[in-house]
Amino acid sequence: MMSLVSDGAKVMTGQKTGVAARLKQLNSKLLNVQCICHRLSLAFAGASDETKYIAQVEGILLATLEVFC
Protein backbone atom coordinates (compact mmCIF):
# COMPACT_ATOMS: atom_id res chain seq x y z
CA MET A 1 0.00 0.00 0.00
CA MET A 2 1.41 3.36 -1.04
CA SER A 3 -1.26 5.76 0.21
CA LEU A 4 -4.44 6.03 2.22
CA VAL A 5 -7.20 8.51 1.37
CA SER A 6 -9.87 8.97 4.01
CA ASP A 7 -12.59 11.36 5.14
CA GLY A 8 -10.29 12.83 7.81
CA ALA A 9 -12.06 11.34 10.83
CA LYS A 10 -9.84 10.86 13.90
CA VAL A 11 -10.40 7.11 13.80
CA MET A 12 -8.71 7.16 10.38
CA THR A 13 -6.06 9.85 10.91
CA GLY A 14 -5.29 9.71 14.65
CA GLN A 15 -1.55 9.92 15.25
CA LYS A 16 -1.40 7.08 17.78
CA THR A 17 -4.20 4.60 17.13
CA GLY A 18 -5.73 5.75 13.83
CA VAL A 19 -5.78 3.46 10.83
CA ALA A 20 -3.13 5.56 9.07
CA ALA A 21 -0.81 5.43 12.10
CA ARG A 22 -1.14 1.67 12.34
CA LEU A 23 -0.49 1.22 8.63
CA LYS A 24 2.46 3.59 8.84
CA GLN A 25 4.03 1.24 11.40
CA LEU A 26 4.05 -1.40 8.67
CA ASN A 27 5.12 0.98 5.89
CA SER A 28 6.95 4.14 6.98
CA LYS A 29 6.59 5.65 3.48
CA LEU A 30 2.78 5.53 3.52
CA LEU A 31 1.17 8.77 2.38
CA ASN A 32 -2.01 9.74 4.24
CA VAL A 33 -4.31 12.20 2.44
CA GLN A 34 -7.73 13.58 3.34
CA CYS A 35 -10.25 13.29 0.49
CA ILE A 36 -10.57 16.64 -1.31
CA CYS A 37 -14.35 16.19 -1.61
CA HIS A 38 -14.67 15.87 2.16
CA ARG A 39 -12.43 18.90 2.71
CA LEU A 40 -14.49 20.99 0.30
CA SER A 41 -17.69 19.83 1.94
CA LEU A 42 -16.44 20.94 5.35
CA ALA A 43 -15.25 24.26 3.95
CA PHE A 44 -18.56 24.96 2.20
CA ALA A 45 -20.56 23.94 5.27
CA GLY A 46 -18.63 26.39 7.43
CA ALA A 47 -18.74 29.19 4.88
CA SER A 48 -22.39 28.72 3.94
CA ASP A 49 -23.46 29.38 7.51
CA GLU A 50 -22.15 32.91 7.14
CA THR A 51 -22.59 33.66 3.44
CA LYS A 52 -25.96 33.39 1.67
CA TYR A 53 -24.31 33.32 -1.79
CA ILE A 54 -22.30 30.21 -0.92
CA ALA A 55 -25.49 28.44 0.19
CA GLN A 56 -27.11 29.30 -3.16
CA VAL A 57 -24.13 27.95 -5.13
CA GLU A 58 -24.14 24.80 -3.02
CA GLY A 59 -27.85 24.34 -3.78
CA ILE A 60 -27.21 24.68 -7.52
CA LEU A 61 -24.34 22.18 -7.36
CA LEU A 62 -26.43 19.66 -5.43
CA ALA A 63 -29.33 20.05 -7.87
CA THR A 64 -26.94 19.48 -10.78
CA LEU A 65 -25.54 16.34 -9.14
CA GLU A 66 -29.04 14.96 -8.62
CA VAL A 67 -29.69 15.25 -12.36
CA PHE A 68 -26.61 13.16 -13.21
CA CYS A 69 -26.95 10.61 -10.39
PDB file of N, CA and C in Angstrom:
ATOM      1  N   MET A   1       0.852  -1.163   0.000  1.00  0.00           N
ATOM      2  CA  MET A   1       0.000   0.000   0.000  1.00  0.00           C
ATOM      3  C   MET A   1       0.904   1.235   0.000  1.00  0.00           C
ATOM      4  N   MET A   2       0.609   2.150  -0.909  1.00  0.00           N
ATOM      5  CA  MET A   2       1.415   3.363  -1.036  1.00  0.00           C
ATOM      6  C   MET A   2       0.764   4.560  -0.353  1.00  0.00           C
ATOM      7  N   SER A   3      -0.582   4.615  -0.377  1.00  0.00           N
ATOM      8  CA  SER A   3      -1.263   5.765   0.206  1.00  0.00           C
ATOM      9  C   SER A   3      -2.618   5.360   0.764  1.00  0.00           C
ATOM     10  N   LEU A   4      -3.132   6.220   1.629  1.00  0.00           N
ATOM     11  CA  LEU A   4      -4.445   6.034   2.222  1.00  0.00           C
ATOM     12  C   LEU A   4      -5.190   7.353   2.098  1.00  0.00           C
ATOM     13  N   VAL A   5      -6.359   7.320   1.492  1.00  0.00           N
ATOM     14  CA  VAL A   5      -7.205   8.508   1.372  1.00  0.00           C
ATOM     15  C   VAL A   5      -8.442   8.253   2.218  1.00  0.00           C
ATOM     16  N   SER A   6      -8.726   9.164   3.128  1.00  0.00           N
ATOM     17  CA  SER A   6      -9.873   8.974   4.011  1.00  0.00           C
ATOM     18  C   SER A   6     -10.649  10.275   4.167  1.00  0.00           C
ATOM     19  N   ASP A   7     -11.741  10.187   4.929  1.00  0.00           N
ATOM     20  CA  ASP A   7     -12.587  11.359   5.144  1.00  0.00           C
ATOM     21  C   ASP A   7     -12.008  12.315   6.180  1.00  0.00           C
ATOM     22  N   GLY A   8     -10.936  11.954   6.838  1.00  0.00           N
ATOM     23  CA  GLY A   8     -10.288  12.835   7.811  1.00  0.00           C
ATOM     24  C   GLY A   8     -10.744  12.617   9.236  1.00  0.00           C
ATOM     25  N   ALA A   9     -11.599  11.627   9.468  1.00  0.00           N
ATOM     26  CA  ALA A   9     -12.057  11.341  10.832  1.00  0.00           C
ATOM     27  C   ALA A   9     -10.875  10.899  11.694  1.00  0.00           C
ATOM     28  N   LYS A  10     -10.946  11.205  12.987  1.00  0.00           N
ATOM     29  CA  LYS A  10      -9.841  10.863  13.903  1.00  0.00           C
ATOM     30  C   LYS A  10      -9.566   9.366  13.941  1.00  0.00           C
ATOM     31  N   VAL A  11     -10.607   8.548  13.796  1.00  0.00           N
ATOM     32  CA  VAL A  11     -10.400   7.107  13.795  1.00  0.00           C
ATOM     33  C   VAL A  11      -9.512   6.695  12.619  1.00  0.00           C
ATOM     34  N   MET A  12      -9.543   7.459  11.548  1.00  0.00           N
ATOM     35  CA  MET A  12      -8.713   7.160  10.381  1.00  0.00           C
ATOM     36  C   MET A  12      -7.346   7.829  10.463  1.00  0.00           C
ATOM     37  N   THR A  13      -7.297   9.059  10.984  1.00  0.00           N
ATOM     38  CA  THR A  13      -6.058   9.846  10.909  1.00  0.00           C
ATOM     39  C   THR A  13      -5.371  10.080  12.247  1.00  0.00           C
ATOM     40  N   GLY A  14      -5.910   9.521  13.329  1.00  0.00           N
ATOM     41  CA  GLY A  14      -5.294   9.711  14.648  1.00  0.00           C
ATOM     42  C   GLY A  14      -3.822   9.330  14.644  1.00  0.00           C
ATOM     43  N   GLN A  15      -3.000  10.118  15.309  1.00  0.00           N
ATOM     44  CA  GLN A  15      -1.551   9.923  15.247  1.00  0.00           C
ATOM     45  C   GLN A  15      -1.051   8.713  16.032  1.00  0.00           C
ATOM     46  N   LYS A  16      -1.842   8.223  16.984  1.00  0.00           N
ATOM     47  CA  LYS A  16      -1.395   7.075  17.782  1.00  0.00           C
ATOM     48  C   LYS A  16      -2.122   5.789  17.423  1.00  0.00           C
ATOM     49  N   THR A  17      -3.449   5.836  17.352  1.00  0.00           N
ATOM     50  CA  THR A  17      -4.198   4.604  17.126  1.00  0.00           C
ATOM     51  C   THR A  17      -5.066   4.643  15.876  1.00  0.00           C
ATOM     52  N   GLY A  18      -4.955   5.678  15.071  1.00  0.00           N
ATOM     53  CA  GLY A  18      -5.726   5.754  13.830  1.00  0.00           C
ATOM     54  C   GLY A  18      -5.257   4.716  12.822  1.00  0.00           C
ATOM     55  N   VAL A  19      -6.104   4.449  11.867  1.00  0.00           N
ATOM     56  CA  VAL A  19      -5.778   3.462  10.830  1.00  0.00           C
ATOM     57  C   VAL A  19      -4.481   3.845  10.119  1.00  0.00           C
ATOM     58  N   ALA A  20      -4.335   5.110   9.776  1.00  0.00           N
ATOM     59  CA  ALA A  20      -3.126   5.558   9.072  1.00  0.00           C
ATOM     60  C   ALA A  20      -1.876   5.340   9.930  1.00  0.00           C
ATOM     61  N   ALA A  21      -1.963   5.624  11.217  1.00  0.00           N
ATOM     62  CA  ALA A  21      -0.808   5.432  12.104  1.00  0.00           C
ATOM     63  C   ALA A  21      -0.424   3.966  12.192  1.00  0.00           C
ATOM     64  N   ARG A  22      -1.423   3.111  12.258  1.00  0.00           N
ATOM     65  CA  ARG A  22      -1.140   1.674  12.340  1.00  0.00           C
ATOM     66  C   ARG A  22      -0.543   1.144  11.033  1.00  0.00           C
ATOM     67  N   LEU A  23      -1.060   1.639   9.912  1.00  0.00           N
ATOM     68  CA  LEU A  23      -0.494   1.217   8.633  1.00  0.00           C
ATOM     69  C   LEU A  23       0.914   1.777   8.439  1.00  0.00           C
ATOM     70  N   LYS A  24       1.138   2.975   8.966  1.00  0.00           N
ATOM     71  CA  LYS A  24       2.458   3.589   8.838  1.00  0.00           C
ATOM     72  C   LYS A  24       3.522   2.812   9.626  1.00  0.00           C
ATOM     73  N   GLN A  25       3.096   2.098  10.670  1.00  0.00           N
ATOM     74  CA  GLN A  25       4.025   1.236  11.404  1.00  0.00           C
ATOM     75  C   GLN A  25       4.523   0.105  10.510  1.00  0.00           C
ATOM     76  N   LEU A  26       3.666  -0.328   9.591  1.00  0.00           N
ATOM     77  CA  LEU A  26       4.046  -1.396   8.666  1.00  0.00           C
ATOM     78  C   LEU A  26       4.793  -0.875   7.445  1.00  0.00           C
ATOM     79  N   ASN A  27       4.492   0.369   7.058  1.00  0.00           N
ATOM     80  CA  ASN A  27       5.118   0.980   5.888  1.00  0.00           C
ATOM     81  C   ASN A  27       5.377   2.453   6.201  1.00  0.00           C
ATOM     82  N   SER A  28       6.611   2.779   6.553  1.00  0.00           N
ATOM     83  CA  SER A  28       6.947   4.144   6.975  1.00  0.00           C
ATOM     84  C   SER A  28       6.804   5.170   5.856  1.00  0.00           C
ATOM     85  N   LYS A  29       6.713   4.726   4.608  1.00  0.00           N
ATOM     86  CA  LYS A  29       6.594   5.653   3.478  1.00  0.00           C
ATOM     87  C   LYS A  29       5.143   5.907   3.065  1.00  0.00           C
ATOM     88  N   LEU A  30       4.203   5.368   3.821  1.00  0.00           N
ATOM     89  CA  LEU A  30       2.783   5.533   3.521  1.00  0.00           C
ATOM     90  C   LEU A  30       2.408   7.012   3.507  1.00  0.00           C
ATOM     91  N   LEU A  31       1.649   7.402   2.512  1.00  0.00           N
ATOM     92  CA  LEU A  31       1.166   8.775   2.378  1.00  0.00           C
ATOM     93  C   LEU A  31      -0.300   8.799   2.768  1.00  0.00           C
ATOM     94  N   ASN A  32      -0.635   9.620   3.761  1.00  0.00           N
ATOM     95  CA  ASN A  32      -2.013   9.738   4.240  1.00  0.00           C
ATOM     96  C   ASN A  32      -2.585  11.071   3.759  1.00  0.00           C
ATOM     97  N   VAL A  33      -3.704  11.003   3.030  1.00  0.00           N
ATOM     98  CA  VAL A  33      -4.310  12.198   2.439  1.00  0.00           C
ATOM     99  C   VAL A  33      -5.794  12.233   2.790  1.00  0.00           C
ATOM    100  N   GLN A  34      -6.291  13.429   3.114  1.00  0.00           N
ATOM    101  CA  GLN A  34      -7.729  13.579   3.335  1.00  0.00           C
ATOM    102  C   GLN A  34      -8.394  13.837   1.986  1.00  0.00           C
ATOM    103  N   CYS A  35      -9.497  13.168   1.739  1.00  0.00           N
ATOM    104  CA  CYS A  35     -10.248  13.290   0.494  1.00  0.00           C
ATOM    105  C   CYS A  35     -10.609  14.753   0.237  1.00  0.00           C
ATOM    106  N   ILE A  36     -10.314  15.241  -0.961  1.00  0.00           N
ATOM    107  CA  ILE A  36     -10.572  16.637  -1.306  1.00  0.00           C
ATOM    108  C   ILE A  36     -12.065  16.937  -1.291  1.00  0.00           C
ATOM    109  N   CYS A  37     -12.891  15.976  -1.643  1.00  0.00           N
ATOM    110  CA  CYS A  37     -14.347  16.187  -1.613  1.00  0.00           C
ATOM    111  C   CYS A  37     -14.825  16.430  -0.188  1.00  0.00           C
ATOM    112  N   HIS A  38     -14.290  15.671   0.762  1.00  0.00           N
ATOM    113  CA  HIS A  38     -14.670  15.874   2.158  1.00  0.00           C
ATOM    114  C   HIS A  38     -14.154  17.218   2.678  1.00  0.00           C
ATOM    115  N   ARG A  39     -12.962  17.597   2.289  1.00  0.00           N
ATOM    116  CA  ARG A  39     -12.425  18.899   2.705  1.00  0.00           C
ATOM    117  C   ARG A  39     -13.281  20.038   2.170  1.00  0.00           C
ATOM    118  N   LEU A  40     -13.644  19.948   0.898  1.00  0.00           N
ATOM    119  CA  LEU A  40     -14.489  20.987   0.298  1.00  0.00           C
ATOM    120  C   LEU A  40     -15.854  21.033   0.963  1.00  0.00           C
ATOM    121  N   SER A  41     -16.398  19.877   1.273  1.00  0.00           N
ATOM    122  CA  SER A  41     -17.692  19.828   1.942  1.00  0.00           C
ATOM    123  C   SER A  41     -17.643  20.536   3.287  1.00  0.00           C
ATOM    124  N   LEU A  42     -16.597  20.272   4.057  1.00  0.00           N
ATOM    125  CA  LEU A  42     -16.441  20.937   5.352  1.00  0.00           C
ATOM    126  C   LEU A  42     -16.259  22.441   5.190  1.00  0.00           C
ATOM    127  N   ALA A  43     -15.481  22.833   4.184  1.00  0.00           N
ATOM    128  CA  ALA A  43     -15.251  24.262   3.948  1.00  0.00           C
ATOM    129  C   ALA A  43     -16.541  24.965   3.544  1.00  0.00           C
ATOM    130  N   PHE A  44     -17.299  24.360   2.635  1.00  0.00           N
ATOM    131  CA  PHE A  44     -18.561  24.958   2.204  1.00  0.00           C
ATOM    132  C   PHE A  44     -19.572  25.011   3.341  1.00  0.00           C
ATOM    133  N   ALA A  45     -19.616  23.965   4.158  1.00  0.00           N
ATOM    134  CA  ALA A  45     -20.564  23.936   5.273  1.00  0.00           C
ATOM    135  C   ALA A  45     -20.273  25.075   6.243  1.00  0.00           C
ATOM    136  N   GLY A  46     -18.999  25.303   6.539  1.00  0.00           N
ATOM    137  CA  GLY A  46     -18.627  26.393   7.434  1.00  0.00           C
ATOM    138  C   GLY A  46     -18.886  27.757   6.828  1.00  0.00           C
ATOM    139  N   ALA A  47     -18.584  27.892   5.548  1.00  0.00           N
ATOM    140  CA  ALA A  47     -18.745  29.186   4.883  1.00  0.00           C
ATOM    141  C   ALA A  47     -20.210  29.494   4.606  1.00  0.00           C
ATOM    142  N   SER A  48     -20.998  28.466   4.301  1.00  0.00           N
ATOM    143  CA  SER A  48     -22.391  28.715   3.936  1.00  0.00           C
ATOM    144  C   SER A  48     -23.213  29.191   5.124  1.00  0.00           C
ATOM    145  N   ASP A  49     -22.759  28.891   6.328  1.00  0.00           N
ATOM    146  CA  ASP A  49     -23.455  29.378   7.511  1.00  0.00           C
ATOM    147  C   ASP A  49     -23.392  30.899   7.604  1.00  0.00           C
ATOM    148  N   GLU A  50     -22.358  31.476   7.022  1.00  0.00           N
ATOM    149  CA  GLU A  50     -22.149  32.909   7.140  1.00  0.00           C
ATOM    150  C   GLU A  50     -22.420  33.673   5.845  1.00  0.00           C
ATOM    151  N   THR A  51     -22.460  32.984   4.718  1.00  0.00           N
ATOM    152  CA  THR A  51     -22.593  33.659   3.438  1.00  0.00           C
ATOM    153  C   THR A  51     -23.753  33.066   2.638  1.00  0.00           C
ATOM    154  N   LYS A  52     -24.769  33.857   2.389  1.00  0.00           N
ATOM    155  CA  LYS A  52     -25.960  33.386   1.673  1.00  0.00           C
ATOM    156  C   LYS A  52     -25.607  32.947   0.247  1.00  0.00           C
ATOM    157  N   TYR A  53     -24.694  33.646  -0.421  1.00  0.00           N
ATOM    158  CA  TYR A  53     -24.314  33.325  -1.792  1.00  0.00           C
ATOM    159  C   TYR A  53     -23.738  31.915  -1.877  1.00  0.00           C
ATOM    160  N   ILE A  54     -22.904  31.544  -0.925  1.00  0.00           N
ATOM    161  CA  ILE A  54     -22.300  30.206  -0.918  1.00  0.00           C
ATOM    162  C   ILE A  54     -23.395  29.151  -0.803  1.00  0.00           C
ATOM    163  N   ALA A  55     -24.393  29.396   0.029  1.00  0.00           N
ATOM    164  CA  ALA A  55     -25.492  28.444   0.189  1.00  0.00           C
ATOM    165  C   ALA A  55     -26.254  28.288  -1.124  1.00  0.00           C
ATOM    166  N   GLN A  56     -26.420  29.378  -1.872  1.00  0.00           N
ATOM    167  CA  GLN A  56     -27.110  29.301  -3.161  1.00  0.00           C
ATOM    168  C   GLN A  56     -26.303  28.482  -4.165  1.00  0.00           C
ATOM    169  N   VAL A  57     -25.002  28.702  -4.218  1.00  0.00           N
ATOM    170  CA  VAL A  57     -24.128  27.955  -5.127  1.00  0.00           C
ATOM    171  C   VAL A  57     -24.149  26.471  -4.758  1.00  0.00           C
ATOM    172  N   GLU A  58     -24.102  26.187  -3.470  1.00  0.00           N
ATOM    173  CA  GLU A  58     -24.143  24.800  -3.020  1.00  0.00           C
ATOM    174  C   GLU A  58     -25.453  24.141  -3.456  1.00  0.00           C
ATOM    175  N   GLY A  59     -26.555  24.864  -3.346  1.00  0.00           N
ATOM    176  CA  GLY A  59     -27.848  24.335  -3.781  1.00  0.00           C
ATOM    177  C   GLY A  59     -27.865  24.021  -5.264  1.00  0.00           C
ATOM    178  N   ILE A  60     -27.286  24.899  -6.067  1.00  0.00           N
ATOM    179  CA  ILE A  60     -27.215  24.679  -7.516  1.00  0.00           C
ATOM    180  C   ILE A  60     -26.361  23.452  -7.827  1.00  0.00           C
ATOM    181  N   LEU A  61     -25.221  23.333  -7.140  1.00  0.00           N
ATOM    182  CA  LEU A  61     -24.340  22.176  -7.361  1.00  0.00           C
ATOM    183  C   LEU A  61     -25.033  20.874  -6.977  1.00  0.00           C
ATOM    184  N   LEU A  62     -25.725  20.871  -5.855  1.00  0.00           N
ATOM    185  CA  LEU A  62     -26.430  19.656  -5.435  1.00  0.00           C
ATOM    186  C   LEU A  62     -27.548  19.297  -6.405  1.00  0.00           C
ATOM    187  N   ALA A  63     -28.269  20.301  -6.901  1.00  0.00           N
ATOM    188  CA  ALA A  63     -29.330  20.047  -7.874  1.00  0.00           C
ATOM    189  C   ALA A  63     -28.751  19.465  -9.155  1.00  0.00           C
ATOM    190  N   THR A  64     -27.610  19.975  -9.582  1.00  0.00           N
ATOM    191  CA  THR A  64     -26.940  19.476 -10.784  1.00  0.00           C
ATOM    192  C   THR A  64     -26.504  18.025 -10.584  1.00  0.00           C
ATOM    193  N   LEU A  65     -25.970  17.716  -9.418  1.00  0.00           N
ATOM    194  CA  LEU A  65     -25.544  16.341  -9.138  1.00  0.00           C
ATOM    195  C   LEU A  65     -26.719  15.376  -9.145  1.00  0.00           C
ATOM    196  N   GLU A  66     -27.858  15.820  -8.640  1.00  0.00           N
ATOM    197  CA  GLU A  66     -29.040  14.962  -8.618  1.00  0.00           C
ATOM    198  C   GLU A  66     -29.488  14.601 -10.032  1.00  0.00           C
ATOM    199  N   VAL A  67     -29.307  15.512 -10.971  1.00  0.00           N
ATOM    200  CA  VAL A  67     -29.693  15.253 -12.359  1.00  0.00           C
ATOM    201  C   VAL A  67     -28.830  14.140 -12.945  1.00  0.00           C
ATOM    202  N   PHE A  68     -27.537  14.127 -12.628  1.00  0.00           N
ATOM    203  CA  PHE A  68     -26.615  13.162 -13.210  1.00  0.00           C
ATOM    204  C   PHE A  68     -26.557  11.851 -12.431  1.00  0.00           C
ATOM    205  N   CYS A  69     -27.027  11.840 -11.195  1.00  0.00           N
ATOM    206  CA  CYS A  69     -26.952  10.606 -10.388  1.00  0.00           C
ATOM    207  C   CYS A  69     -28.219   9.883 -10.353  1.00  0.00           C
TER     208      CYS A  69
END
